Protein backbone atom coordinates (compact mmCIF):
# COMPACT_ATOMS: atom_id res chain seq x y z
CA UNK A 1 0.00 0.00 0.00
CA UNK A 2 2.96 2.32 -0.41
CA UNK A 3 2.03 5.73 -1.69
CA UNK A 4 -1.63 5.63 -0.68
CA UNK A 5 -3.46 7.60 1.99
CA UNK A 6 -4.17 4.43 3.96
CA UNK A 7 -0.50 3.44 3.79
CA UNK A 8 0.55 6.85 5.04
CA UNK A 9 -1.85 6.62 7.95
CA UNK A 10 -0.50 3.20 8.88
CA UNK A 11 3.07 4.48 8.72
CA UNK A 12 2.17 7.48 10.88
CA UNK A 13 0.50 5.22 13.45
CA UNK A 14 3.55 2.96 13.49
CA UNK A 15 5.96 5.87 13.92
CA UNK A 16 3.89 7.28 16.78
CA UNK A 17 3.70 3.89 18.49
CA UNK A 18 7.42 3.28 18.07
CA UNK A 19 8.82 6.73 18.87
CA UNK A 20 6.09 8.47 20.87
CA UNK A 21 3.03 10.59 20.17
CA UNK A 22 5.13 13.72 19.62
CA UNK A 23 7.29 12.10 16.90
CA UNK A 24 6.39 14.57 14.14
CA UNK A 25 6.55 17.56 16.49
CA UNK A 26 10.14 16.59 17.39
CA UNK A 27 11.09 16.31 13.72
CA UNK A 28 9.64 19.73 12.95
CA UNK A 29 11.27 21.35 15.97
CA UNK A 30 14.71 19.93 15.17
CA UNK A 31 14.47 21.11 11.59
CA UNK A 32 13.51 24.61 12.69
CA UNK A 33 16.40 24.80 15.16
CA UNK A 34 19.04 23.69 12.66
CA UNK A 35 18.51 26.54 10.21
CA UNK A 36 21.05 29.35 10.61
CA UNK A 37 20.64 31.34 7.44
CA UNK A 38 18.01 33.48 5.82
CA UNK A 39 14.87 34.93 7.24
CA UNK A 40 15.17 36.99 10.40
CA UNK A 41 18.14 35.03 11.71
CA UNK A 42 20.60 37.43 10.13
CA UNK A 43 18.85 40.64 11.23
CA UNK A 44 17.32 40.66 14.70
CA UNK A 45 16.47 44.36 14.54
CA UNK A 46 14.39 43.80 11.40
CA UNK A 47 12.64 40.91 13.14
CA UNK A 48 11.84 43.16 16.11
CA UNK A 49 10.38 45.84 13.84
CA UNK A 50 8.30 43.32 11.92
CA UNK A 51 6.96 41.78 15.12
CA UNK A 52 6.01 45.20 16.46
CA UNK A 53 4.23 46.04 13.22
CA UNK A 54 2.32 42.76 13.29
CA UNK A 55 1.41 43.27 16.93
CA UNK A 56 -0.19 46.62 16.16
CA UNK A 57 -2.46 45.12 13.51
CA UNK A 58 -5.36 43.55 15.36
CA UNK A 59 -7.55 41.04 13.56
CA UNK A 60 -10.18 41.25 16.26
CA UNK A 61 -13.15 43.49 15.70
CA UNK A 62 -13.48 46.60 17.81
CA UNK A 63 -15.94 45.99 20.64
CA UNK A 64 -18.53 48.69 21.19
CA UNK A 65 -20.13 48.84 24.61
PDB file of N, CA and C in Angstrom:
ATOM      1  N   UNK A   1       0.811  -1.201   0.000  1.00  0.00           N
ATOM      2  CA  UNK A   1       0.000   0.000   0.000  1.00  0.00           C
ATOM      3  C   UNK A   1       0.854   1.264   0.000  1.00  0.00           C
ATOM      4  N   UNK A   2       2.080   1.159  -0.416  1.00  0.00           N
ATOM      5  CA  UNK A   2       2.963   2.319  -0.405  1.00  0.00           C
ATOM      6  C   UNK A   2       2.428   3.400  -1.337  1.00  0.00           C
ATOM      7  N   UNK A   3       2.454   4.624  -0.860  1.00  0.00           N
ATOM      8  CA  UNK A   3       2.028   5.733  -1.692  1.00  0.00           C
ATOM      9  C   UNK A   3       0.545   6.036  -1.648  1.00  0.00           C
ATOM     10  N   UNK A   4      -0.197   5.350  -0.786  1.00  0.00           N
ATOM     11  CA  UNK A   4      -1.627   5.632  -0.679  1.00  0.00           C
ATOM     12  C   UNK A   4      -1.908   6.330   0.650  1.00  0.00           C
ATOM     13  N   UNK A   5      -3.077   6.905   0.746  1.00  0.00           N
ATOM     14  CA  UNK A   5      -3.464   7.595   1.985  1.00  0.00           C
ATOM     15  C   UNK A   5      -3.519   6.615   3.150  1.00  0.00           C
ATOM     16  N   UNK A   6      -4.069   5.440   2.902  1.00  0.00           N
ATOM     17  CA  UNK A   6      -4.170   4.431   3.955  1.00  0.00           C
ATOM     18  C   UNK A   6      -2.784   3.985   4.411  1.00  0.00           C
ATOM     19  N   UNK A   7      -1.873   3.831   3.453  1.00  0.00           N
ATOM     20  CA  UNK A   7      -0.502   3.436   3.794  1.00  0.00           C
ATOM     21  C   UNK A   7       0.196   4.500   4.619  1.00  0.00           C
ATOM     22  N   UNK A   8      -0.040   5.752   4.284  1.00  0.00           N
ATOM     23  CA  UNK A   8       0.552   6.850   5.037  1.00  0.00           C
ATOM     24  C   UNK A   8       0.028   6.903   6.461  1.00  0.00           C
ATOM     25  N   UNK A   9      -1.259   6.621   6.621  1.00  0.00           N
ATOM     26  CA  UNK A   9      -1.853   6.622   7.954  1.00  0.00           C
ATOM     27  C   UNK A   9      -1.301   5.475   8.802  1.00  0.00           C
ATOM     28  N   UNK A  10      -1.081   4.332   8.157  1.00  0.00           N
ATOM     29  CA  UNK A  10      -0.505   3.202   8.877  1.00  0.00           C
ATOM     30  C   UNK A  10       0.929   3.502   9.298  1.00  0.00           C
ATOM     31  N   UNK A  11       1.684   4.132   8.406  1.00  0.00           N
ATOM     32  CA  UNK A  11       3.069   4.484   8.719  1.00  0.00           C
ATOM     33  C   UNK A  11       3.115   5.497   9.861  1.00  0.00           C
ATOM     34  N   UNK A  12       2.220   6.479   9.829  1.00  0.00           N
ATOM     35  CA  UNK A  12       2.173   7.482  10.881  1.00  0.00           C
ATOM     36  C   UNK A  12       1.841   6.837  12.222  1.00  0.00           C
ATOM     37  N   UNK A  13       0.882   5.912  12.216  1.00  0.00           N
ATOM     38  CA  UNK A  13       0.502   5.218  13.449  1.00  0.00           C
ATOM     39  C   UNK A  13       1.673   4.404  13.988  1.00  0.00           C
ATOM     40  N   UNK A  14       2.394   3.772  13.089  1.00  0.00           N
ATOM     41  CA  UNK A  14       3.551   2.962  13.486  1.00  0.00           C
ATOM     42  C   UNK A  14       4.645   3.838  14.079  1.00  0.00           C
ATOM     43  N   UNK A  15       4.929   4.956  13.426  1.00  0.00           N
ATOM     44  CA  UNK A  15       5.961   5.866  13.924  1.00  0.00           C
ATOM     45  C   UNK A  15       5.597   6.405  15.302  1.00  0.00           C
ATOM     46  N   UNK A  16       4.334   6.748  15.485  1.00  0.00           N
ATOM     47  CA  UNK A  16       3.894   7.280  16.780  1.00  0.00           C
ATOM     48  C   UNK A  16       3.972   6.214  17.860  1.00  0.00           C
ATOM     49  N   UNK A  17       3.637   4.977  17.512  1.00  0.00           N
ATOM     50  CA  UNK A  17       3.703   3.887  18.485  1.00  0.00           C
ATOM     51  C   UNK A  17       5.149   3.575  18.856  1.00  0.00           C
ATOM     52  N   UNK A  18       6.017   3.658  17.875  1.00  0.00           N
ATOM     53  CA  UNK A  18       7.416   3.280  18.074  1.00  0.00           C
ATOM     54  C   UNK A  18       8.228   4.374  18.766  1.00  0.00           C
ATOM     55  N   UNK A  19       7.981   5.635  18.394  1.00  0.00           N
ATOM     56  CA  UNK A  19       8.822   6.735  18.865  1.00  0.00           C
ATOM     57  C   UNK A  19       8.107   7.730  19.761  1.00  0.00           C
ATOM     58  N   UNK A  20       6.832   7.567  20.006  1.00  0.00           N
ATOM     59  CA  UNK A  20       6.092   8.472  20.875  1.00  0.00           C
ATOM     60  C   UNK A  20       5.103   9.319  20.096  1.00  0.00           C
ATOM     61  N   UNK A  21       4.108   9.833  20.816  1.00  0.00           N
ATOM     62  CA  UNK A  21       3.033  10.586  20.167  1.00  0.00           C
ATOM     63  C   UNK A  21       3.520  11.901  19.573  1.00  0.00           C
ATOM     64  N   UNK A  22       4.622  12.438  20.117  1.00  0.00           N
ATOM     65  CA  UNK A  22       5.128  13.720  19.619  1.00  0.00           C
ATOM     66  C   UNK A  22       6.247  13.540  18.579  1.00  0.00           C
ATOM     67  N   UNK A  23       6.246  12.415  17.887  1.00  0.00           N
ATOM     68  CA  UNK A  23       7.289  12.098  16.900  1.00  0.00           C
ATOM     69  C   UNK A  23       7.424  13.183  15.843  1.00  0.00           C
ATOM     70  N   UNK A  24       6.329  13.595  15.227  1.00  0.00           N
ATOM     71  CA  UNK A  24       6.388  14.570  14.139  1.00  0.00           C
ATOM     72  C   UNK A  24       6.683  15.968  14.670  1.00  0.00           C
ATOM     73  N   UNK A  25       6.245  16.266  15.886  1.00  0.00           N
ATOM     74  CA  UNK A  25       6.553  17.560  16.489  1.00  0.00           C
ATOM     75  C   UNK A  25       8.056  17.678  16.727  1.00  0.00           C
ATOM     76  N   UNK A  26       8.683  16.586  17.157  1.00  0.00           N
ATOM     77  CA  UNK A  26      10.136  16.591  17.389  1.00  0.00           C
ATOM     78  C   UNK A  26      10.889  16.809  16.085  1.00  0.00           C
ATOM     79  N   UNK A  27      10.442  16.152  15.020  1.00  0.00           N
ATOM     80  CA  UNK A  27      11.091  16.310  13.721  1.00  0.00           C
ATOM     81  C   UNK A  27      11.006  17.766  13.263  1.00  0.00           C
ATOM     82  N   UNK A  28       9.830  18.353  13.372  1.00  0.00           N
ATOM     83  CA  UNK A  28       9.642  19.732  12.954  1.00  0.00           C
ATOM     84  C   UNK A  28      10.462  20.695  13.782  1.00  0.00           C
ATOM     85  N   UNK A  29      10.523  20.469  15.086  1.00  0.00           N
ATOM     86  CA  UNK A  29      11.272  21.355  15.971  1.00  0.00           C
ATOM     87  C   UNK A  29      12.757  21.281  15.670  1.00  0.00           C
ATOM     88  N   UNK A  30      13.278  20.066  15.437  1.00  0.00           N
ATOM     89  CA  UNK A  30      14.709  19.931  15.167  1.00  0.00           C
ATOM     90  C   UNK A  30      15.072  20.586  13.846  1.00  0.00           C
ATOM     91  N   UNK A  31      14.199  20.474  12.869  1.00  0.00           N
ATOM     92  CA  UNK A  31      14.470  21.112  11.587  1.00  0.00           C
ATOM     93  C   UNK A  31      14.470  22.627  11.714  1.00  0.00           C
ATOM     94  N   UNK A  32      13.565  23.165  12.507  1.00  0.00           N
ATOM     95  CA  UNK A  32      13.508  24.605  12.690  1.00  0.00           C
ATOM     96  C   UNK A  32      14.711  25.135  13.435  1.00  0.00           C
ATOM     97  N   UNK A  33      15.250  24.359  14.365  1.00  0.00           N
ATOM     98  CA  UNK A  33      16.397  24.804  15.160  1.00  0.00           C
ATOM     99  C   UNK A  33      17.699  24.744  14.380  1.00  0.00           C
ATOM    100  N   UNK A  34      17.785  23.880  13.391  1.00  0.00           N
ATOM    101  CA  UNK A  34      19.039  23.694  12.658  1.00  0.00           C
ATOM    102  C   UNK A  34      19.332  24.812  11.668  1.00  0.00           C
ATOM    103  N   UNK A  35      18.293  25.492  11.199  1.00  0.00           N
ATOM    104  CA  UNK A  35      18.513  26.539  10.208  1.00  0.00           C
ATOM    105  C   UNK A  35      19.244  27.733  10.802  1.00  0.00           C
ATOM    106  N   UNK A  36      20.276  28.199  10.109  1.00  0.00           N
ATOM    107  CA  UNK A  36      21.045  29.346  10.611  1.00  0.00           C
ATOM    108  C   UNK A  36      21.224  30.415   9.543  1.00  0.00           C
ATOM    109  N   UNK A  37      20.492  30.329   8.474  1.00  0.00           N
ATOM    110  CA  UNK A  37      20.642  31.341   7.438  1.00  0.00           C
ATOM    111  C   UNK A  37      19.271  31.819   6.996  1.00  0.00           C
ATOM    112  N   UNK A  38      19.246  32.977   6.402  1.00  0.00           N
ATOM    113  CA  UNK A  38      18.013  33.483   5.821  1.00  0.00           C
ATOM    114  C   UNK A  38      17.001  33.927   6.854  1.00  0.00           C
ATOM    115  N   UNK A  39      15.934  34.485   6.363  1.00  0.00           N
ATOM    116  CA  UNK A  39      14.865  34.934   7.242  1.00  0.00           C
ATOM    117  C   UNK A  39      15.329  36.022   8.191  1.00  0.00           C
ATOM    118  N   UNK A  40      14.831  35.976   9.404  1.00  0.00           N
ATOM    119  CA  UNK A  40      15.168  36.988  10.400  1.00  0.00           C
ATOM    120  C   UNK A  40      16.412  36.615  11.189  1.00  0.00           C
ATOM    121  N   UNK A  41      16.969  35.467  10.936  1.00  0.00           N
ATOM    122  CA  UNK A  41      18.139  35.026  11.709  1.00  0.00           C
ATOM    123  C   UNK A  41      19.282  36.021  11.588  1.00  0.00           C
ATOM    124  N   UNK A  42      19.460  36.555  10.389  1.00  0.00           N
ATOM    125  CA  UNK A  42      20.595  37.432  10.135  1.00  0.00           C
ATOM    126  C   UNK A  42      20.370  38.844  10.668  1.00  0.00           C
ATOM    127  N   UNK A  43      19.119  39.256  10.865  1.00  0.00           N
ATOM    128  CA  UNK A  43      18.847  40.642  11.227  1.00  0.00           C
ATOM    129  C   UNK A  43      17.786  40.695  12.327  1.00  0.00           C
ATOM    130  N   UNK A  44      18.257  40.676  13.572  1.00  0.00           N
ATOM    131  CA  UNK A  44      17.323  40.661  14.701  1.00  0.00           C
ATOM    132  C   UNK A  44      16.542  41.961  14.817  1.00  0.00           C
ATOM    133  N   UNK A  45      17.158  43.074  14.459  1.00  0.00           N
ATOM    134  CA  UNK A  45      16.468  44.364  14.540  1.00  0.00           C
ATOM    135  C   UNK A  45      15.284  44.404  13.573  1.00  0.00           C
ATOM    136  N   UNK A  46      15.481  43.866  12.381  1.00  0.00           N
ATOM    137  CA  UNK A  46      14.395  43.795  11.402  1.00  0.00           C
ATOM    138  C   UNK A  46      13.265  42.902  11.925  1.00  0.00           C
ATOM    139  N   UNK A  47      13.642  41.803  12.570  1.00  0.00           N
ATOM    140  CA  UNK A  47      12.639  40.908  13.142  1.00  0.00           C
ATOM    141  C   UNK A  47      11.845  41.625  14.226  1.00  0.00           C
ATOM    142  N   UNK A  48      12.514  42.415  15.042  1.00  0.00           N
ATOM    143  CA  UNK A  48      11.844  43.157  16.112  1.00  0.00           C
ATOM    144  C   UNK A  48      10.851  44.154  15.536  1.00  0.00           C
ATOM    145  N   UNK A  49      11.269  44.857  14.484  1.00  0.00           N
ATOM    146  CA  UNK A  49      10.385  45.839  13.842  1.00  0.00           C
ATOM    147  C   UNK A  49       9.170  45.157  13.207  1.00  0.00           C
ATOM    148  N   UNK A  50       9.396  44.033  12.560  1.00  0.00           N
ATOM    149  CA  UNK A  50       8.297  43.317  11.915  1.00  0.00           C
ATOM    150  C   UNK A  50       7.312  42.780  12.950  1.00  0.00           C
ATOM    151  N   UNK A  51       7.829  42.285  14.065  1.00  0.00           N
ATOM    152  CA  UNK A  51       6.963  41.784  15.124  1.00  0.00           C
ATOM    153  C   UNK A  51       6.126  42.890  15.742  1.00  0.00           C
ATOM    154  N   UNK A  52       6.741  44.058  15.902  1.00  0.00           N
ATOM    155  CA  UNK A  52       6.013  45.195  16.462  1.00  0.00           C
ATOM    156  C   UNK A  52       4.909  45.635  15.514  1.00  0.00           C
ATOM    157  N   UNK A  53       5.224  45.645  14.229  1.00  0.00           N
ATOM    158  CA  UNK A  53       4.231  46.045  13.216  1.00  0.00           C
ATOM    159  C   UNK A  53       3.063  45.054  13.208  1.00  0.00           C
ATOM    160  N   UNK A  54       3.368  43.777  13.271  1.00  0.00           N
ATOM    161  CA  UNK A  54       2.318  42.761  13.288  1.00  0.00           C
ATOM    162  C   UNK A  54       1.487  42.829  14.554  1.00  0.00           C
ATOM    163  N   UNK A  55       2.118  43.174  15.674  1.00  0.00           N
ATOM    164  CA  UNK A  55       1.408  43.269  16.931  1.00  0.00           C
ATOM    165  C   UNK A  55       0.424  44.421  16.956  1.00  0.00           C
ATOM    166  N   UNK A  56       0.713  45.466  16.199  1.00  0.00           N
ATOM    167  CA  UNK A  56      -0.188  46.622  16.164  1.00  0.00           C
ATOM    168  C   UNK A  56      -1.429  46.351  15.327  1.00  0.00           C
ATOM    169  N   UNK A  57      -1.327  45.423  14.384  1.00  0.00           N
ATOM    170  CA  UNK A  57      -2.458  45.124  13.506  1.00  0.00           C
ATOM    171  C   UNK A  57      -3.319  44.066  14.168  1.00  0.00           C
ATOM    172  N   UNK A  58      -4.466  44.477  14.678  1.00  0.00           N
ATOM    173  CA  UNK A  58      -5.356  43.548  15.356  1.00  0.00           C
ATOM    174  C   UNK A  58      -6.349  42.970  14.357  1.00  0.00           C
ATOM    175  N   UNK A  59      -6.565  41.677  14.428  1.00  0.00           N
ATOM    176  CA  UNK A  59      -7.548  41.038  13.556  1.00  0.00           C
ATOM    177  C   UNK A  59      -8.897  40.919  14.268  1.00  0.00           C
ATOM    178  N   UNK A  60      -8.931  41.314  15.511  1.00  0.00           N
ATOM    179  CA  UNK A  60     -10.184  41.255  16.255  1.00  0.00           C
ATOM    180  C   UNK A  60     -11.002  42.510  15.950  1.00  0.00           C
ATOM    181  N   UNK A  61     -12.296  42.339  15.962  1.00  0.00           N
ATOM    182  CA  UNK A  61     -13.154  43.487  15.704  1.00  0.00           C
ATOM    183  C   UNK A  61     -13.181  44.378  16.927  1.00  0.00           C
ATOM    184  N   UNK A  62     -13.392  45.647  16.713  1.00  0.00           N
ATOM    185  CA  UNK A  62     -13.482  46.604  17.814  1.00  0.00           C
ATOM    186  C   UNK A  62     -14.797  46.381  18.553  1.00  0.00           C
ATOM    187  N   UNK A  63     -14.739  46.238  19.858  1.00  0.00           N
ATOM    188  CA  UNK A  63     -15.940  45.992  20.642  1.00  0.00           C
ATOM    189  C   UNK A  63     -16.547  47.341  21.047  1.00  0.00           C
ATOM    190  N   UNK A  64     -17.817  47.472  20.791  1.00  0.00           N
ATOM    191  CA  UNK A  64     -18.530  48.686  21.190  1.00  0.00           C
ATOM    192  C   UNK A  64     -19.436  48.353  22.351  1.00  0.00           C
ATOM    193  N   UNK A  65     -19.361  49.141  23.403  1.00  0.00           N
ATOM    194  CA  UNK A  65     -20.130  48.840  24.608  1.00  0.00           C
ATOM    195  C   UNK A  65     -21.573  49.180  24.477  1.00  0.00           C
TER     196      UNK A  65
END
